[in-house]
Amino acid sequence: MAMNSIRCPVLGARITQVTDLEGIVTRIICPEYESDGTCRVKKSVRAGGPLAQLLERVSEDTLDTRSTLCLLRTA
């Protein structure tokens, strides 16, 4: 297993990805990451109204999705 420290585009902080020997992400170590694959920060943005949702999707280049799933989630 390998641990990679990467920048989360949503949280704006460093988080840790744990990968297996094949490079597949097996775990995310992040205070905002929930076990079902959702991000609490992204979930709270959805409650902020249409403008907050649009700005959040524009900043991540994900205008075609409405998901609260973490882009860095496990497989």
Protein backbone atom coordinates (compact mmCIF):
# COMPACT_ATOMS: atom_id res chain seq x y z
CA MET A 1 0.00 0.00 0.00
CA ALA A 2 1.07 3.53 -0.72
CA MET A 3 -0.08 6.79 0.82
CA ASN A 4 -0.22 9.90 -1.35
CA SER A 5 -0.80 13.38 0.00
CA ILE A 6 -2.78 15.40 -2.54
CA ARG A 7 -4.68 18.69 -2.60
CA CYS A 8 -8.44 18.34 -2.45
CA PRO A 9 -10.02 20.86 -4.87
CA VAL A 10 -13.15 21.14 -2.70
CA LEU A 11 -11.66 21.40 0.76
CA GLY A 12 -8.59 23.35 -0.39
CA ALA A 13 -6.38 21.34 1.96
CA ARG A 14 -4.08 18.33 1.79
CA ILE A 15 -5.71 14.91 2.19
CA THR A 16 -4.31 11.39 1.99
CA GLN A 17 -5.17 8.72 -0.55
CA VAL A 18 -4.28 5.14 0.30
CA THR A 19 -3.73 2.96 -2.77
CA ASP A 20 -3.14 -0.74 -3.25
CA LEU A 21 -0.21 -2.22 -5.17
CA GLU A 22 -2.04 -1.67 -8.47
CA GLY A 23 -2.57 2.04 -7.77
CA ILE A 24 -6.31 1.75 -7.09
CA VAL A 25 -7.56 4.06 -4.34
CA THR A 26 -8.74 1.96 -1.39
CA ARG A 27 -9.24 4.67 1.23
CA ILE A 28 -9.49 8.46 1.55
CA ILE A 29 -8.28 10.07 4.76
CA CYS A 30 -10.11 13.39 4.96
CA PRO A 31 -12.13 14.95 7.79
CA GLU A 32 -14.97 15.84 5.38
CA TYR A 33 -15.17 12.48 3.58
CA GLU A 34 -18.05 10.21 4.60
CA SER A 35 -18.01 6.43 4.27
CA ASP A 36 -20.72 6.48 1.59
CA GLY A 37 -18.48 8.48 -0.76
CA THR A 38 -20.00 11.91 -0.16
CA CYS A 39 -18.19 15.06 0.82
CA ARG A 40 -19.77 17.10 3.62
CA VAL A 41 -18.41 20.35 2.14
CA LYS A 42 -20.01 19.67 -1.24
CA LYS A 43 -23.24 18.57 0.45
CA SER A 44 -23.47 21.88 2.31
CA VAL A 45 -23.00 23.82 -0.95
CA ARG A 46 -26.10 22.14 -2.35
CA ALA A 47 -28.08 23.73 0.47
CA GLY A 48 -26.75 27.17 -0.48
CA GLY A 49 -29.07 27.77 -3.41
CA PRO A 50 -28.68 27.83 -7.20
CA LEU A 51 -25.89 30.41 -7.35
CA ALA A 52 -23.74 28.55 -4.81
CA GLN A 53 -24.27 25.31 -6.73
CA LEU A 54 -23.34 26.92 -10.04
CA LEU A 55 -20.18 28.50 -8.65
CA GLU A 56 -19.15 25.22 -7.04
CA ARG A 57 -19.59 23.30 -10.30
CA VAL A 58 -17.81 25.98 -12.35
CA SER A 59 -14.80 25.93 -10.00
CA GLU A 60 -14.47 22.16 -10.48
CA ASP A 61 -15.27 22.09 -14.22
CA THR A 62 -18.22 19.79 -13.52
CA LEU A 63 -21.14 21.74 -14.95
CA ASP A 64 -22.59 18.55 -16.45
CA THR A 65 -23.03 16.87 -13.03
CA ARG A 66 -25.05 17.55 -9.88
CA SER A 67 -23.25 15.09 -7.64
CA THR A 68 -22.07 15.53 -4.06
CA LEU A 69 -19.70 12.59 -4.48
CA CYS A 70 -16.03 13.15 -3.86
CA LEU A 71 -13.97 13.35 -7.04
CA LEU A 72 -11.21 11.46 -5.22
CA ARG A 73 -13.45 8.70 -3.87
CA THR A 74 -12.50 5.06 -3.50
CA ALA A 75 -13.27 2.55 -6.22
